[in-house]
Each structure stands twice: as structure tokens, then as C-alpha cells.
Protein backbone atom coordinates (compact mmCIF):
# COMPACT_ATOMS: atom_id res chain seq x y z
CA UNK A 1 71.46 73.85 116.14
CA UNK A 2 68.69 72.24 114.08
CA UNK A 3 67.45 73.35 110.70
CA UNK A 4 64.78 76.03 110.63
CA UNK A 5 62.03 75.40 108.11
CA UNK A 6 60.35 78.80 108.26
CA UNK A 7 61.85 82.25 108.62
CA UNK A 8 60.28 85.67 108.94
CA UNK A 9 61.83 89.03 108.19
CA UNK A 10 60.74 92.02 110.27
CA UNK A 11 61.94 95.60 109.97
CA UNK A 12 62.54 97.34 113.28
CA UNK A 13 63.88 100.86 113.69
CA UNK A 14 65.13 100.92 110.15
CA UNK A 15 66.99 97.62 110.51
CA UNK A 16 66.16 94.09 109.49
CA UNK A 17 65.45 91.29 111.94
CA UNK A 18 65.42 87.71 110.69
CA UNK A 19 64.18 85.06 113.06
CA UNK A 20 63.17 81.43 112.99
CA UNK A 21 59.45 81.01 113.52
CA UNK A 22 59.62 77.28 114.11
CA UNK A 23 62.09 77.52 116.97
CA UNK A 24 61.41 77.92 120.67
CA UNK A 25 57.76 78.09 121.57
CA UNK A 26 56.52 78.74 118.02
CA UNK A 27 55.57 75.77 115.85
CA UNK A 28 55.07 75.63 112.08
CA UNK A 29 51.44 74.68 112.61
CA UNK A 30 50.95 77.78 114.74
CA UNK A 31 52.42 79.89 111.95
CA UNK A 32 50.09 78.32 109.36
CA UNK A 33 47.09 78.83 111.65
CA UNK A 34 48.03 82.44 112.23
CA UNK A 35 48.42 83.11 108.51
CA UNK A 36 45.03 81.51 107.82
CA UNK A 37 43.48 83.62 110.59
CA UNK A 38 45.06 86.72 109.08
CA UNK A 39 43.09 86.12 105.88
CA UNK A 40 39.86 86.08 107.89
CA UNK A 41 40.95 89.19 109.80
CA UNK A 42 41.77 90.97 106.54
CA UNK A 43 38.39 90.18 105.02
CA UNK A 44 36.67 91.54 108.12
CA UNK A 45 38.90 94.62 108.03
CA UNK A 46 38.25 95.12 104.31
CA UNK A 47 34.46 95.06 104.73
CA UNK A 48 34.60 97.35 107.76
CA UNK A 49 37.02 99.94 106.35
CA UNK A 50 36.22 99.92 102.65
CA UNK A 51 33.42 97.69 101.38
CA UNK A 52 34.14 98.86 97.82
CA UNK A 53 37.57 97.27 97.75
CA UNK A 54 38.07 95.40 94.50
CA UNK A 55 40.55 92.64 93.85
CA UNK A 56 43.45 94.75 92.60
CA UNK A 57 47.05 95.51 93.46
CA UNK A 58 46.11 97.70 96.45
CA UNK A 59 43.93 94.96 97.91
CA UNK A 60 46.73 92.46 97.36
CA UNK A 61 49.22 94.77 99.09
CA UNK A 62 46.89 95.21 102.07
CA UNK A 63 46.41 91.47 102.34
CA UNK A 64 50.16 91.01 102.25
CA UNK A 65 50.49 93.64 104.99
CA UNK A 66 48.07 91.61 107.12
CA UNK A 67 50.12 88.45 106.61
CA UNK A 68 53.32 90.30 107.53
CA UNK A 69 51.54 91.69 110.59
CA UNK A 70 50.47 88.18 111.60
CA UNK A 71 54.10 87.03 111.50
CA UNK A 72 55.16 90.05 113.56
CA UNK A 73 52.51 89.20 116.15
CA UNK A 74 53.91 85.68 116.53
CA UNK A 75 57.35 87.14 117.17
CA UNK A 76 56.20 89.91 119.51
CA UNK A 77 54.04 87.54 121.55
CA UNK A 78 56.75 84.84 121.76
CA UNK A 79 58.70 86.46 124.60
CA UNK A 80 58.44 85.10 128.15
CA UNK A 81 55.07 86.02 129.59
CA UNK A 82 55.42 87.98 132.80
CA UNK A 83 52.32 89.23 134.61
CA UNK A 84 50.31 91.73 132.56
CA UNK A 85 52.65 91.41 129.58
CA UNK A 86 51.80 93.41 126.48
CA UNK A 87 49.78 91.67 123.77
CA UNK A 88 50.08 92.27 120.04
CA UNK A 89 47.58 91.61 117.28
CA UNK A 90 45.24 93.06 114.67
CA UNK A 91 44.27 96.70 115.18
CA UNK A 92 43.52 99.78 113.07
CA UNK A 93 47.10 99.89 111.73
CA UNK A 94 47.26 96.31 110.47
CA UNK A 95 46.46 97.31 106.90
CA UNK A 96 49.58 99.49 106.74
CA UNK A 97 53.06 98.30 105.87
CA UNK A 98 55.70 99.11 108.47
CA UNK A 99 57.08 101.83 106.19
CA UNK A 100 53.63 103.39 105.75
CA UNK A 101 53.10 103.33 109.51
CA UNK A 102 56.46 104.98 110.19
CA UNK A 103 55.96 107.62 107.49
CA UNK A 104 52.48 108.54 108.74
CA UNK A 105 52.74 108.29 112.52
CA UNK A 106 56.36 108.20 113.70
CA UNK A 107 57.42 111.72 112.81
CA UNK A 108 58.85 113.14 116.03
CA UNK A 109 62.53 113.63 116.76
CA UNK A 110 64.42 114.63 119.86
CA UNK A 111 67.45 116.84 120.42
CA UNK A 112 70.19 115.77 122.78
CA UNK A 113 68.98 116.14 126.37
CA UNK A 114 71.17 116.92 129.36
CA UNK A 115 71.53 114.13 131.89
CA UNK A 116 69.38 114.92 134.92
CA UNK A 117 71.59 116.00 137.82
CA UNK A 118 68.96 117.02 140.36
CA UNK A 119 67.88 115.28 143.51
CA UNK A 120 65.58 112.27 143.64
CA UNK A 121 62.47 113.10 145.65
CA UNK A 122 62.04 110.80 148.64
CA UNK A 123 58.76 109.35 149.87
CA UNK A 124 56.95 109.19 146.55
CA UNK A 125 53.56 107.42 146.55
CA UNK A 126 53.51 103.90 145.12
CA UNK A 127 50.96 105.02 142.55
CA UNK A 128 50.34 108.44 141.07
CA UNK A 129 48.06 109.35 138.18
CA UNK A 130 47.27 112.93 137.15
CA UNK A 131 43.99 111.70 135.66
CA UNK A 132 42.78 111.18 139.24
CA UNK A 133 43.13 114.95 139.73
CA UNK A 134 40.95 115.66 136.66
CA UNK A 135 43.73 117.61 134.95
CA UNK A 136 44.33 115.37 131.91
CA UNK A 137 42.24 116.00 128.78
CA UNK A 138 40.68 113.06 126.88
CA UNK A 139 42.72 111.06 124.38
CA UNK A 140 42.91 112.72 120.97
CA UNK A 141 43.45 111.27 117.49
CA UNK A 142 46.10 112.84 115.27
CA UNK A 143 44.74 110.93 112.24
CA UNK A 144 46.98 110.68 109.15
CA UNK A 145 49.23 113.57 110.19
CA UNK A 146 52.63 113.32 111.87
CA UNK A 147 51.62 115.75 114.61
CA UNK A 148 52.37 113.73 117.76
CA UNK A 149 55.01 116.29 118.72
CA UNK A 150 52.35 119.01 118.85
CA UNK A 151 49.78 116.85 120.68
CA UNK A 152 52.25 115.92 123.41
CA UNK A 153 53.37 119.50 124.05
CA UNK A 154 49.85 120.91 124.04
CA UNK A 155 48.70 118.06 126.30
CA UNK A 156 51.36 118.95 128.87
CA UNK A 157 50.57 122.67 128.72
CA UNK A 158 46.83 122.26 129.22
CA UNK A 159 47.40 119.86 132.14
CA UNK A 160 49.86 122.18 133.89
CA UNK A 161 47.42 125.04 133.35
CA UNK A 162 44.69 123.01 135.08
CA UNK A 163 47.05 122.01 137.90
CA UNK A 164 47.66 125.71 138.55
CA UNK A 165 43.94 126.24 139.09
CA UNK A 166 42.43 127.02 135.70
CA UNK A 167 39.59 125.00 134.26
CA UNK A 168 40.82 122.07 132.18
CA UNK A 169 40.38 123.11 128.58
CA UNK A 170 41.67 121.63 125.35
CA UNK A 171 44.10 124.00 123.69
CA UNK A 172 44.79 124.26 119.96
CA UNK A 173 47.12 121.65 118.50
CA UNK A 174 46.44 123.10 115.05
CA UNK A 175 47.85 126.48 116.14
CA UNK A 176 51.12 124.82 117.07
CA UNK A 177 51.07 122.73 113.89
CA UNK A 178 50.57 125.76 111.64
CA UNK A 179 52.63 128.38 113.44
CA UNK A 180 55.71 126.62 114.87
CA UNK A 181 58.14 127.54 112.11
CA UNK A 182 60.95 125.49 113.66
CA UNK A 183 59.01 122.30 112.86
CA UNK A 184 57.51 120.74 109.73
CA UNK A 185 53.80 120.47 110.46
CA UNK A 186 52.38 117.06 109.58
CA UNK A 187 55.83 116.02 108.36
CA UNK A 188 57.17 115.97 111.90
CA UNK A 189 58.71 118.00 114.65
CA UNK A 190 60.59 118.19 117.93
CA UNK A 191 58.84 118.78 121.29
CA UNK A 192 61.90 120.58 122.69
CA UNK A 193 62.09 122.91 119.68
CA UNK A 194 58.35 123.52 119.98
CA UNK A 195 58.70 124.50 123.63
CA UNK A 196 61.68 126.72 122.79
CA UNK A 197 59.56 128.44 120.12
CA UNK A 198 56.67 128.96 122.54
CA UNK A 199 58.98 130.38 125.21
CA UNK A 200 60.87 132.66 122.83
CA UNK A 201 57.86 134.07 120.95
CA UNK A 202 55.48 134.08 123.94
CA UNK A 203 52.73 132.94 121.59
CA UNK A 204 49.41 132.65 123.39
CA UNK A 205 47.86 129.23 122.85
CA UNK A 206 44.14 129.59 122.19
CA UNK A 207 41.47 126.95 122.70
CA UNK A 208 40.80 124.09 120.34
CA UNK A 209 37.29 125.45 119.70
CA UNK A 210 38.81 128.72 118.45
CA UNK A 211 41.41 127.00 116.26
CA UNK A 212 40.18 123.44 115.53
CA UNK A 213 42.31 120.52 114.46
CA UNK A 214 42.28 119.68 110.72
CA UNK A 215 44.94 116.92 110.50
CA UNK A 216 46.82 118.88 107.85
CA UNK A 217 49.27 121.76 107.92
CA UNK A 218 47.68 125.14 107.21
CA UNK A 219 48.45 128.84 107.21
CA UNK A 220 49.14 130.29 110.67
CA UNK A 221 46.28 132.31 112.10
CA UNK A 222 47.37 135.23 114.25
CA UNK A 223 45.56 136.61 117.29
CA UNK A 224 45.90 140.04 118.90
CA UNK A 225 48.08 140.51 121.96
CA UNK A 226 44.95 141.24 123.98
CA UNK A 227 43.43 137.87 123.09
CA UNK A 228 43.20 135.35 125.93
CA UNK A 229 45.60 132.44 125.78
CA UNK A 230 48.23 130.41 127.62
CA UNK A 231 51.89 131.44 127.55
CA UNK A 232 54.82 129.09 128.25
CA UNK A 233 57.31 130.75 130.61
CA UNK A 234 59.91 128.01 130.75
CA UNK A 235 60.61 124.30 130.28
CA UNK A 236 63.27 121.69 130.98
CA UNK A 237 64.42 118.72 128.91
CA UNK A 238 66.41 115.97 130.62
CA UNK A 239 67.72 112.47 130.04
CA UNK A 240 66.55 110.24 132.90
CA UNK A 241 68.09 107.01 131.60
CA UNK A 242 69.10 105.02 134.68
CA UNK A 243 67.20 107.52 136.86
CA UNK A 244 63.56 106.70 136.29
CA UNK A 245 62.79 107.12 139.99
CA UNK A 246 63.93 110.73 139.64
CA UNK A 247 61.66 111.02 136.60
CA UNK A 248 58.77 109.86 138.77
CA UNK A 249 59.53 112.70 141.15
CA UNK A 250 59.53 115.23 138.32
CA UNK A 251 56.13 113.99 137.18
CA UNK A 252 54.64 114.32 140.68
CA UNK A 253 56.23 117.73 141.24
CA UNK A 254 55.66 119.39 137.85
CA UNK A 255 52.80 117.59 136.08
CA UNK A 256 52.52 115.33 133.00
CA UNK A 257 55.77 115.01 131.06
CA UNK A 258 56.48 114.99 127.33
CA UNK A 259 58.61 112.03 126.23
CA UNK A 260 60.02 111.08 122.83
CA UNK A 261 60.07 107.29 122.47
CA UNK A 262 60.75 104.44 120.07
CA UNK A 263 57.26 103.33 119.02
CA UNK A 264 58.04 101.05 116.05
CA UNK A 265 56.48 98.00 117.71
CA UNK A 266 53.43 99.99 118.82
CA UNK A 267 51.86 99.42 115.41
CA UNK A 268 50.64 96.07 116.74
CA UNK A 269 50.04 96.92 120.41
CA UNK A 270 46.71 95.83 121.91
CA UNK A 271 47.25 96.41 125.62
CA UNK A 272 49.20 95.33 128.69
CA UNK A 273 52.64 96.40 129.94
CA UNK A 274 55.44 96.62 127.37
CA UNK A 275 58.49 94.88 128.81
CA UNK A 276 60.45 93.66 125.76
CA UNK A 277 61.48 94.39 122.16
CA UNK A 278 61.29 98.15 122.41
CA UNK A 279 64.82 99.11 121.47
CA UNK A 280 65.08 102.85 122.30
CA UNK A 281 67.65 103.09 119.49
CA UNK A 282 65.54 105.40 117.35
CA UNK A 283 63.36 108.04 119.00
CA UNK A 284 60.44 108.68 116.67
CA UNK A 285 57.19 109.39 118.52
CA UNK A 286 56.11 111.94 121.15
CA UNK A 287 53.72 111.04 123.98
CA UNK A 288 52.48 112.36 127.32
CA UNK A 289 53.47 110.53 130.53
CA UNK A 290 50.62 111.16 132.97
CA UNK A 291 51.38 108.75 135.82
CA UNK A 292 53.01 105.61 137.15
CA UNK A 293 52.12 102.53 139.18
CA UNK A 294 54.74 100.67 141.24
CA UNK A 295 52.25 98.89 143.51
CA UNK A 296 52.09 95.67 141.47
CA UNK A 297 54.64 93.05 140.47
CA UNK A 298 55.60 94.99 137.33
CA UNK A 299 55.99 98.77 137.82
CA UNK A 300 54.91 100.82 134.81
CA UNK A 301 54.47 104.25 133.32
CA UNK A 302 50.98 105.40 132.29
CA UNK A 303 51.35 107.07 128.91
CA UNK A 304 48.72 108.89 126.87
CA UNK A 305 49.03 108.47 123.11
CA UNK A 306 47.37 110.44 120.29
CA UNK A 307 46.02 107.59 118.14
CA UNK A 308 42.44 107.59 119.46
CA UNK A 309 40.73 105.51 122.14
CA UNK A 310 40.40 102.36 119.99
CA UNK A 311 44.19 101.85 120.22
CA UNK A 312 45.91 100.15 123.17
CA UNK A 313 44.41 100.56 126.64
CA UNK A 314 41.66 102.99 125.57
CA UNK A 315 44.29 105.22 124.00
CA UNK A 316 46.99 104.62 126.62
CA UNK A 317 50.11 102.47 126.65
CA UNK A 318 51.79 101.04 129.75
CA UNK A 319 55.61 100.81 129.74
CA UNK A 320 57.66 98.97 132.35
CA UNK A 321 59.62 101.25 134.68
CA UNK A 322 63.33 100.43 134.70
CA UNK A 323 65.67 99.64 131.82
CA UNK A 324 64.57 102.67 129.79
CA UNK A 325 62.06 100.57 127.83
CA UNK A 326 61.13 102.22 124.49
CA UNK A 327 63.59 104.99 125.36
CA UNK A 328 60.90 106.50 127.59
CA UNK A 329 63.53 108.26 129.73
CA UNK A 330 65.87 109.52 126.98
CA UNK A 331 64.28 112.91 126.32
CA UNK A 332 61.71 114.11 128.86
CA UNK A 333 60.31 117.63 129.04
CA UNK A 334 58.51 119.44 131.86
CA UNK A 335 56.55 122.65 131.23
CA UNK A 336 56.33 125.76 133.45
CA UNK A 337 53.63 128.41 133.04
């Protein structure tokens, strides 16, 4: 083994990864070029996000974050390139350190899910997308609040409500954020505990227009029993690891599914199908699985995120089906109204 002249240290899922940047397909000149480009990217980002930035410790820290991000991108993009592979680069989270990103956005947790023991549905279509049925609401943006757990649950409920024949309407994430006492508001929460709270209390979810999102935890607003709203009757939470075909059947049969995933590497995601370096060792982010596509060379899940439409594939991320990539099959919930 030859000597490595340049190392990079990357934190993933709370651990430390040290790798040689000048080995394999990555040259030292490529690293230097990337770091130089990161300075240009940072200056553009600085002017766009805060033109009043002065040269101080915060500016220095942000610049350092950009350089660290540039090194991460080299690593993440260095894997073998299969068709439609995911790409990583500068996006709206590049000014954050990995710790800042985790503390702000990766605030979901999952409880142990029972291994799915049902039947696998035969004769599934090669491609299925609930968006084609006009029952999936537009991508939302949770902003600087760890509310992904609430967005995913509310997203599933409003879709199932539309599947059952009601008009598609955005329901209140803020109501869940403020009122679900089993969770911690913007500091994080569990989709399964949220669904258990909704089922047990029979709280009626009102519309987003009646209880708008504020990206901060507030005081719970109560509505009368006669007020219109959506009630959760039941839900299931299963582990589909090694049974993703069965998970496909559940999605087709019951509607969009809530999944708790490992999204550490998503800080740098630009688009394409994630096929590597998504460990599933630490579930930390809740999303809504709205479809799948097995017609192409690489089968993938179609997953709606809550980081706005400027992230990923217009707010969506594609995850390879098979191998439980990103832990997408570890804790999956279906909602029943």
C-alpha cells in the first residue's frame, strides 16, 4: 500500500470516517481544484444568503464548513457510477457544519418495529406513484425546526384522506407539533408515537389554513368536538428489511407510507438515485414514501422530503430498492382512517 499524501475526516452517523483522498479515482489535483471551487461557491453563497457578512469568526466558520463540504462531495461522488447514481454538491445546507445540520434537521427517532409477517401481494405494477392519482400534497419546508416527524405523519394522513374520496387538503402540521405531548416539538419526535397519540386521543386534525405552520413550538390550540377534522382510527408500524417487495404492496394497498431513515449524507444530496454510503445504522429523519419505480435498470423508492423544492429532485429523494438503503425499510408506518 502506497503512502497517502492527503486525508479527509468525515463524521457520519456520529462516527468518524477517515479516508485517503489521493487514492483510487481521486487525485490530489482534483482535491485542490475542488477546494478552490469551494471558495468561489462560498462567496456566491455569502452574497446570496447574507450580503452583510463581515470578515469575522462566523464567516470563517462558514467558509471552513464549505471546504469540509467540498471534501465530503469528493468522497460521496467517488463510488462506482451506476446509471442514475446520486450526485452530491453545494446546496442550501452547505454553510452548516455536520453537527449543525444534524441538530436542526435530523430530529426524528423510531421505536422498535415488528418484522412484517403478512403476505407479499402478487402482480404489482412495475411503477406506482400516488402523485399520479393527485392525492399527494406539494412538498413543504420545515425550515429550522426538527419537525420532520410531524410533516411525514400529516402527509400520510392527508393522502389517505384523499384516497378515500375527500378533496386533497393540507392539514395542520403545527397542530401536531404543538399538541402531541409524547413528542418534543421542534426538538424532535417519533412518527409511531405521534400516530399512537392521534389514535388514543382521537384528536381531529384541522386544516393548515386554520392552524398555520410557524416553524417553532407553540401552545396547543384546542377545537370543539363539533369542529370538522380528520381522525386517525388505526395504524401499523413494521420492519420490512429484506422484504421491500412486501413494502411495495403495502404502499399500493394502503397509500403513502411514513418511514424513518438515516439521512446524514442527505445534507449534500443534489439528485439521482442513492445507492451507496447510506448506513441505516442511525435512524434520524422521517419522510413520506409516495411511490416506486422498478421499470428501469435501478429500481427505486420515490420519497417526499420536507426541506422545500430547492433540495434534491424538486423536494424528493430517490432511494434504491433492495439492501435497505438508508434504513428505508426499518420502521414503516401505514395509516388507516
